[in-house]
């Protein structure tokens, strides 16, 4: 496997923002950047129902990936950038492209004033099927953003952003990397990704471990302060024990570890507001008749986090 950072490109503002984020990440990692432009073809039997005569593109063009690569090369003169254009289903092609990469980066539409992502069906399918880390990146907000659309980027009328060289680049975030971690079932790949991201970005790391309150909380019974304190101390000790070898390996990294009762999604979405990157895990589950699964926590933060979200698959 040749080591690269790969960005899925369709000409939309979201995918161009993802490509810009991927270019910065490739520079930090010292790796080449690979742009994969996927044009989704329409099956011949469906074409008449959507106004087409054939299932193929009538005017093949490499303008979107070529000019996006030229724009990124102007911003990062020393970066090795390659691109390719493929026809087919993005939900099938992008996971295959990810297998040849260290990282796959995709765009995702923001939810306007609510902040966060609107992850469309293609994005969900790619995340669920990819067994490499995937990062979802929002486009910078503009005055005409209304949060509509499916978040997958169909490229209609958006290729001009790349062609004109005016595609907005997300500003480099300076906040901490936030890691959502279940300290009772930790995964080394997830922890390693977050620590390495913080070191590469020259920022701090905030580790958030959420745990459930005792059953009496749900039934409205009086709380037991002593029991609460014991549980909190136990969860904090568990988290500290999990992180201890990683802290020894990165002694100069500023790490804040938090073990708090409550819903993991709420805590992670809140922490993402000041983060440069939010890192969450996803357990790999082999294909089922209903397709791949993302997991409830990863699915929720992908829709509502304010920062780029890295989803790390693990067993």
Protein backbone atom coordinates (compact mmCIF):
# COMPACT_ATOMS: atom_id res chain seq x y z
CA UNK A 1 0.00 0.00 0.00
CA UNK A 2 1.39 3.38 -1.02
CA UNK A 3 0.97 5.87 1.81
CA UNK A 4 -1.17 8.85 0.80
CA UNK A 5 -3.88 11.14 2.09
CA UNK A 6 -6.93 10.78 -0.17
CA UNK A 7 -9.72 13.32 -0.63
CA UNK A 8 -13.02 12.55 -2.34
CA UNK A 9 -13.85 15.31 -4.80
CA UNK A 10 -17.11 16.11 -6.61
CA UNK A 11 -16.79 19.86 -7.26
CA UNK A 12 -19.05 20.96 -4.38
CA UNK A 13 -17.91 23.56 -1.83
CA UNK A 14 -17.88 20.83 0.79
CA UNK A 15 -15.58 18.53 -1.15
CA UNK A 16 -13.25 21.42 -2.04
CA UNK A 17 -13.03 22.32 1.66
CA UNK A 18 -12.23 18.68 2.39
CA UNK A 19 -9.50 18.70 -0.25
CA UNK A 20 -8.01 21.84 1.29
CA UNK A 21 -8.05 20.22 4.76
CA UNK A 22 -6.50 17.07 3.29
CA UNK A 23 -3.73 19.12 1.65
CA UNK A 24 -2.76 20.63 5.01
CA UNK A 25 -2.88 17.20 6.64
CA UNK A 26 -0.75 15.64 3.89
CA UNK A 27 1.81 18.42 4.37
CA UNK A 28 1.93 17.77 8.13
CA UNK A 29 2.32 14.03 7.57
CA UNK A 30 4.88 14.42 4.77
CA UNK A 31 2.71 12.33 2.44
CA UNK A 32 1.40 12.82 -1.11
CA UNK A 33 -2.17 14.02 -1.63
CA UNK A 34 -4.46 12.01 -3.89
CA UNK A 35 -7.64 13.60 -5.25
CA UNK A 36 -10.30 11.15 -6.38
CA UNK A 37 -13.07 12.70 -8.46
CA UNK A 38 -16.08 10.38 -8.64
CA UNK A 39 -18.79 11.06 -11.19
CA UNK A 40 -21.85 9.02 -10.38
CA UNK A 41 -23.37 7.43 -13.44
CA UNK A 42 -27.06 6.70 -13.80
CA UNK A 43 -28.16 3.17 -14.75
CA UNK A 44 -29.56 3.10 -18.29
CA UNK A 45 -32.94 1.86 -17.10
CA UNK A 46 -33.28 4.85 -14.77
CA UNK A 47 -32.04 7.57 -17.09
CA UNK A 48 -35.39 8.24 -18.90
CA UNK A 49 -37.09 8.90 -15.57
CA UNK A 50 -34.65 11.69 -14.64
CA UNK A 51 -34.52 13.36 -18.03
CA UNK A 52 -31.44 11.63 -19.44
CA UNK A 53 -30.98 9.58 -22.56
CA UNK A 54 -28.07 7.45 -21.39
CA UNK A 55 -26.45 6.41 -18.19
CA UNK A 56 -23.12 8.02 -19.06
CA UNK A 57 -21.87 11.58 -18.88
CA UNK A 58 -22.33 13.28 -22.23
CA UNK A 59 -19.25 15.50 -21.90
CA UNK A 60 -16.39 13.79 -20.06
CA UNK A 61 -14.15 16.41 -18.44
CA UNK A 62 -11.22 16.41 -16.07
CA UNK A 63 -11.69 20.09 -15.24
CA UNK A 64 -12.80 19.62 -11.62
CA UNK A 65 -9.91 17.49 -10.33
CA UNK A 66 -7.29 19.15 -12.54
CA UNK A 67 -8.11 22.70 -11.51
CA UNK A 68 -8.61 21.73 -7.87
CA UNK A 69 -5.13 20.21 -7.92
CA UNK A 70 -3.70 23.36 -9.49
CA UNK A 71 -5.33 25.53 -6.82
CA UNK A 72 -4.01 23.38 -3.98
CA UNK A 73 -0.55 23.28 -5.51
CA UNK A 74 -0.45 27.08 -5.50
CA UNK A 75 -1.28 27.00 -1.80
CA UNK A 76 1.17 24.17 -1.05
CA UNK A 77 3.99 24.44 -3.63
CA UNK A 78 6.02 21.55 -2.24
CA UNK A 79 3.15 19.07 -1.96
CA UNK A 80 3.06 16.02 -4.23
CA UNK A 81 -0.51 16.06 -5.62
CA UNK A 82 -2.03 13.52 -7.98
CA UNK A 83 -5.60 13.17 -9.19
CA UNK A 84 -7.78 10.69 -10.98
CA UNK A 85 -11.31 10.73 -12.34
CA UNK A 86 -13.53 7.67 -11.98
CA UNK A 87 -17.10 6.91 -13.02
CA UNK A 88 -19.35 4.85 -10.79
CA UNK A 89 -20.93 4.85 -7.36
CA UNK A 90 -19.05 6.96 -4.78
CA UNK A 91 -20.22 4.65 -1.99
CA UNK A 92 -18.29 1.83 -3.67
CA UNK A 93 -15.31 3.63 -5.22
CA UNK A 94 -14.29 5.78 -2.24
CA UNK A 95 -13.97 2.89 0.25
CA UNK A 96 -11.79 1.11 -2.30
CA UNK A 97 -9.65 4.23 -2.68
CA UNK A 98 -9.36 4.51 1.10
CA UNK A 99 -7.85 1.04 1.37
CA UNK A 100 -4.79 2.35 -0.45
CA UNK A 101 -4.46 5.38 1.84
CA UNK A 102 -3.60 6.39 5.39
CA UNK A 103 -6.65 8.64 5.53
CA UNK A 104 -9.78 9.44 3.53
CA UNK A 105 -11.19 12.99 3.73
CA UNK A 106 -14.74 13.89 2.65
CA UNK A 107 -16.87 17.01 2.65
CA UNK A 108 -20.10 17.37 4.61
CA UNK A 109 -22.71 20.10 4.47
CA UNK A 110 -23.22 22.23 7.58
CA UNK A 111 -26.54 22.62 9.36
CA UNK A 112 -26.55 26.41 9.05
CA UNK A 113 -27.18 28.26 12.30
CA UNK A 114 -27.39 24.99 14.22
CA UNK A 115 -23.79 24.20 13.38
CA UNK A 116 -22.47 20.75 12.63
CA UNK A 117 -22.97 18.40 9.72
CA UNK A 118 -25.70 17.08 7.52
CA UNK A 119 -24.35 13.71 6.44
CA UNK A 120 -26.04 12.37 3.33
CA UNK A 121 -26.60 8.79 2.28
CA UNK A 122 -23.37 8.57 0.28
CA UNK A 123 -21.29 9.90 3.18
CA UNK A 124 -22.90 7.49 5.63
CA UNK A 125 -22.32 4.55 3.31
CA UNK A 126 -18.66 5.45 2.78
CA UNK A 127 -18.00 5.83 6.52
CA UNK A 128 -19.77 2.55 7.28
CA UNK A 129 -17.87 0.59 4.62
CA UNK A 130 -14.39 2.07 5.00
CA UNK A 131 -11.91 0.31 7.26
CA UNK A 132 -9.47 3.21 7.25
CA UNK A 133 -9.78 6.50 9.17
CA UNK A 134 -12.27 8.90 7.56
CA UNK A 135 -12.43 12.64 8.27
CA UNK A 136 -15.56 14.70 7.53
CA UNK A 137 -14.95 18.42 6.90
CA UNK A 138 -17.45 21.27 6.63
CA UNK A 139 -17.16 24.07 4.12
CA UNK A 140 -16.68 27.58 5.57
CA UNK A 141 -20.02 29.24 6.17
CA UNK A 142 -21.12 31.96 3.75
CA UNK A 143 -23.95 34.45 3.82
CA UNK A 144 -26.10 32.33 1.50
CA UNK A 145 -25.68 29.03 3.37
CA UNK A 146 -29.12 27.67 4.18
CA UNK A 147 -28.20 24.15 5.31
CA UNK A 148 -30.27 22.54 2.54
CA UNK A 149 -29.09 19.60 0.52
CA UNK A 150 -28.10 16.07 1.29
CA UNK A 151 -24.50 16.77 2.16
CA UNK A 152 -23.09 14.50 -0.52
CA UNK A 153 -22.37 17.21 -3.09
CA UNK A 154 -23.68 16.56 -6.60
CA UNK A 155 -21.37 19.13 -8.18
CA UNK A 156 -24.12 20.90 -10.17
CA UNK A 157 -22.93 24.44 -10.80
CA UNK A 158 -20.26 24.09 -8.13
CA UNK A 159 -17.31 23.18 -10.28
CA UNK A 160 -16.82 26.88 -10.99
CA UNK A 161 -15.52 27.29 -7.44
CA UNK A 162 -12.52 25.16 -8.28
CA UNK A 163 -12.15 26.62 -11.75
CA UNK A 164 -12.12 30.22 -10.56
CA UNK A 165 -9.63 29.58 -7.79
CA UNK A 166 -11.98 31.16 -5.26
CA UNK A 167 -12.87 28.02 -3.31
CA UNK A 168 -12.76 29.03 0.31
CA UNK A 169 -10.22 27.18 2.43
CA UNK A 170 -11.23 26.35 6.01
CA UNK A 171 -8.99 28.31 8.39
CA UNK A 172 -6.45 26.21 10.23
CA UNK A 173 -8.03 25.53 13.63
CA UNK A 174 -5.96 26.10 16.74
CA UNK A 175 -8.14 24.41 19.35
CA UNK A 176 -7.38 21.08 21.02
CA UNK A 177 -7.89 17.68 19.50
CA UNK A 178 -10.83 16.09 21.34
CA UNK A 179 -10.92 12.32 21.76
CA UNK A 180 -14.15 10.57 22.66
CA UNK A 181 -13.04 7.45 24.53
CA UNK A 182 -14.82 4.62 26.31
CA UNK A 183 -12.23 3.93 29.00
CA UNK A 184 -13.92 0.62 29.83
CA UNK A 185 -13.38 -0.69 26.29
CA UNK A 186 -10.41 1.30 24.92
CA UNK A 187 -8.86 0.75 21.51
CA UNK A 188 -5.20 1.47 20.82
CA UNK A 189 -5.69 2.59 17.22
CA UNK A 190 -8.23 5.22 18.29
CA UNK A 191 -6.00 6.57 21.07
CA UNK A 192 -2.90 6.57 18.86
CA UNK A 193 -4.67 8.55 16.13
CA UNK A 194 -5.74 11.27 18.58
CA UNK A 195 -2.33 11.57 20.27
CA UNK A 196 -0.52 11.72 16.93
CA UNK A 197 -2.98 14.29 15.56
CA UNK A 198 -2.38 16.55 18.54
CA UNK A 199 1.40 16.22 18.24
CA UNK A 200 1.36 16.91 14.47
CA UNK A 201 -0.92 19.89 14.91
CA UNK A 202 1.13 21.36 17.75
CA UNK A 203 -1.90 21.56 19.98
CA UNK A 204 -3.25 19.95 23.16
CA UNK A 205 -5.38 16.85 23.61
CA UNK A 206 -8.65 16.67 25.52
CA UNK A 207 -9.91 13.17 26.33
CA UNK A 208 -13.62 12.86 27.16
CA UNK A 209 -14.89 9.69 28.85
CA UNK A 210 -18.62 9.54 29.63
CA UNK A 211 -20.22 7.14 32.09
CA UNK A 212 -23.78 6.35 33.07
CA UNK A 213 -25.43 7.60 36.21
CA UNK A 214 -26.91 5.06 38.64
CA UNK A 215 -30.43 3.79 37.83
CA UNK A 216 -32.04 5.96 40.49
CA UNK A 217 -31.32 9.02 38.38
CA UNK A 218 -33.67 7.82 35.64
CA UNK A 219 -36.50 7.14 38.11
CA UNK A 220 -36.28 10.49 39.86
CA UNK A 221 -35.19 9.02 43.18
CA UNK A 222 -33.01 11.02 45.61
CA UNK A 223 -29.33 10.96 44.60
CA UNK A 224 -26.68 9.28 46.71
CA UNK A 225 -23.75 11.76 46.88
CA UNK A 226 -21.40 9.19 48.42
CA UNK A 227 -22.13 6.62 45.71
CA UNK A 228 -21.76 9.27 43.03
CA UNK A 229 -18.36 10.27 44.37
CA UNK A 230 -17.21 6.64 44.46
CA UNK A 231 -18.35 6.05 40.89
CA UNK A 232 -16.70 9.24 39.66
CA UNK A 233 -13.43 8.35 41.36
CA UNK A 234 -13.50 4.84 39.89
CA UNK A 235 -14.16 6.09 36.34
CA UNK A 236 -11.41 8.71 36.66
CA UNK A 237 -8.96 6.05 37.82
CA UNK A 238 -9.92 3.79 34.93
CA UNK A 239 -9.36 6.59 32.42
CA UNK A 240 -6.02 7.52 33.98
CA UNK A 241 -4.88 3.91 33.81
CA UNK A 242 -5.77 3.66 30.11
CA UNK A 243 -3.91 6.87 29.23
CA UNK A 244 -0.86 6.29 31.43
CA UNK A 245 1.32 4.49 28.81
CA UNK A 246 0.40 7.07 26.15
CA UNK A 247 1.32 9.91 28.48
CA UNK A 248 4.72 8.31 29.08
CA UNK A 249 5.25 8.08 25.32
CA UNK A 250 4.30 11.75 24.81
CA UNK A 251 5.57 13.52 27.95
CA UNK A 252 5.56 16.99 26.39
CA UNK A 253 1.96 16.82 25.14
CA UNK A 254 -0.59 18.79 27.16
CA UNK A 255 -3.37 16.28 27.91
CA UNK A 256 -6.58 16.98 29.83
CA UNK A 257 -8.58 13.89 30.80
CA UNK A 258 -12.23 14.23 31.79
CA UNK A 259 -14.50 11.48 33.17
CA UNK A 260 -18.03 12.85 33.46
CA UNK A 261 -21.48 11.34 33.94
CA UNK A 262 -23.96 11.89 31.14
CA UNK A 263 -24.52 11.20 27.46
CA UNK A 264 -21.37 10.86 25.40
CA UNK A 265 -22.94 12.57 22.38
CA UNK A 266 -23.91 15.69 24.31
CA UNK A 267 -20.47 16.02 25.86
CA UNK A 268 -18.61 15.48 22.59
CA UNK A 269 -20.75 17.88 20.59
CA UNK A 270 -20.22 20.52 23.27
CA UNK A 271 -16.46 19.89 23.32
CA UNK A 272 -16.29 20.12 19.51
CA UNK A 273 -17.18 23.83 19.56
CA UNK A 274 -13.62 24.77 20.56
CA UNK A 275 -11.84 21.81 18.93
CA UNK A 276 -9.62 21.61 15.88
CA UNK A 277 -10.59 17.96 15.41
CA UNK A 278 -13.00 15.54 17.10
CA UNK A 279 -11.89 11.89 17.10
CA UNK A 280 -14.38 9.06 17.67
CA UNK A 281 -14.32 5.33 17.11
CA UNK A 282 -16.50 2.95 15.14
CA UNK A 283 -16.53 -0.81 15.62
CA UNK A 284 -16.04 -2.70 12.37
CA UNK A 285 -19.00 -4.93 11.64
CA UNK A 286 -18.95 -7.05 8.55
CA UNK A 287 -21.58 -6.45 5.90
CA UNK A 288 -25.13 -7.42 6.82
CA UNK A 289 -28.28 -7.58 4.65
CA UNK A 290 -28.97 -4.03 5.85
CA UNK A 291 -25.52 -2.64 4.99
CA UNK A 292 -22.75 -1.31 7.22
CA UNK A 293 -23.28 0.47 10.51
CA UNK A 294 -21.63 3.59 11.86
CA UNK A 295 -22.63 3.30 15.52
CA UNK A 296 -24.96 5.58 17.46
CA UNK A 297 -22.34 7.92 18.97
CA UNK A 298 -20.33 8.34 15.77
CA UNK A 299 -23.53 8.81 13.76
CA UNK A 300 -24.80 11.55 16.09
CA UNK A 301 -21.56 13.52 16.29
CA UNK A 302 -21.15 13.33 12.51
CA UNK A 303 -24.42 15.25 12.23
CA UNK A 304 -23.91 17.77 15.00
CA UNK A 305 -20.22 18.37 15.75
CA UNK A 306 -18.90 21.85 15.00
CA UNK A 307 -15.35 20.65 14.17
CA UNK A 308 -14.00 18.23 11.58
CA UNK A 309 -14.73 14.68 12.73
CA UNK A 310 -12.33 11.75 12.38
CA UNK A 311 -13.99 8.32 12.53
CA UNK A 312 -11.52 5.57 13.37
CA UNK A 313 -12.70 2.00 12.66
CA UNK A 314 -11.55 -0.65 15.10
CA UNK A 315 -12.43 -4.20 16.11
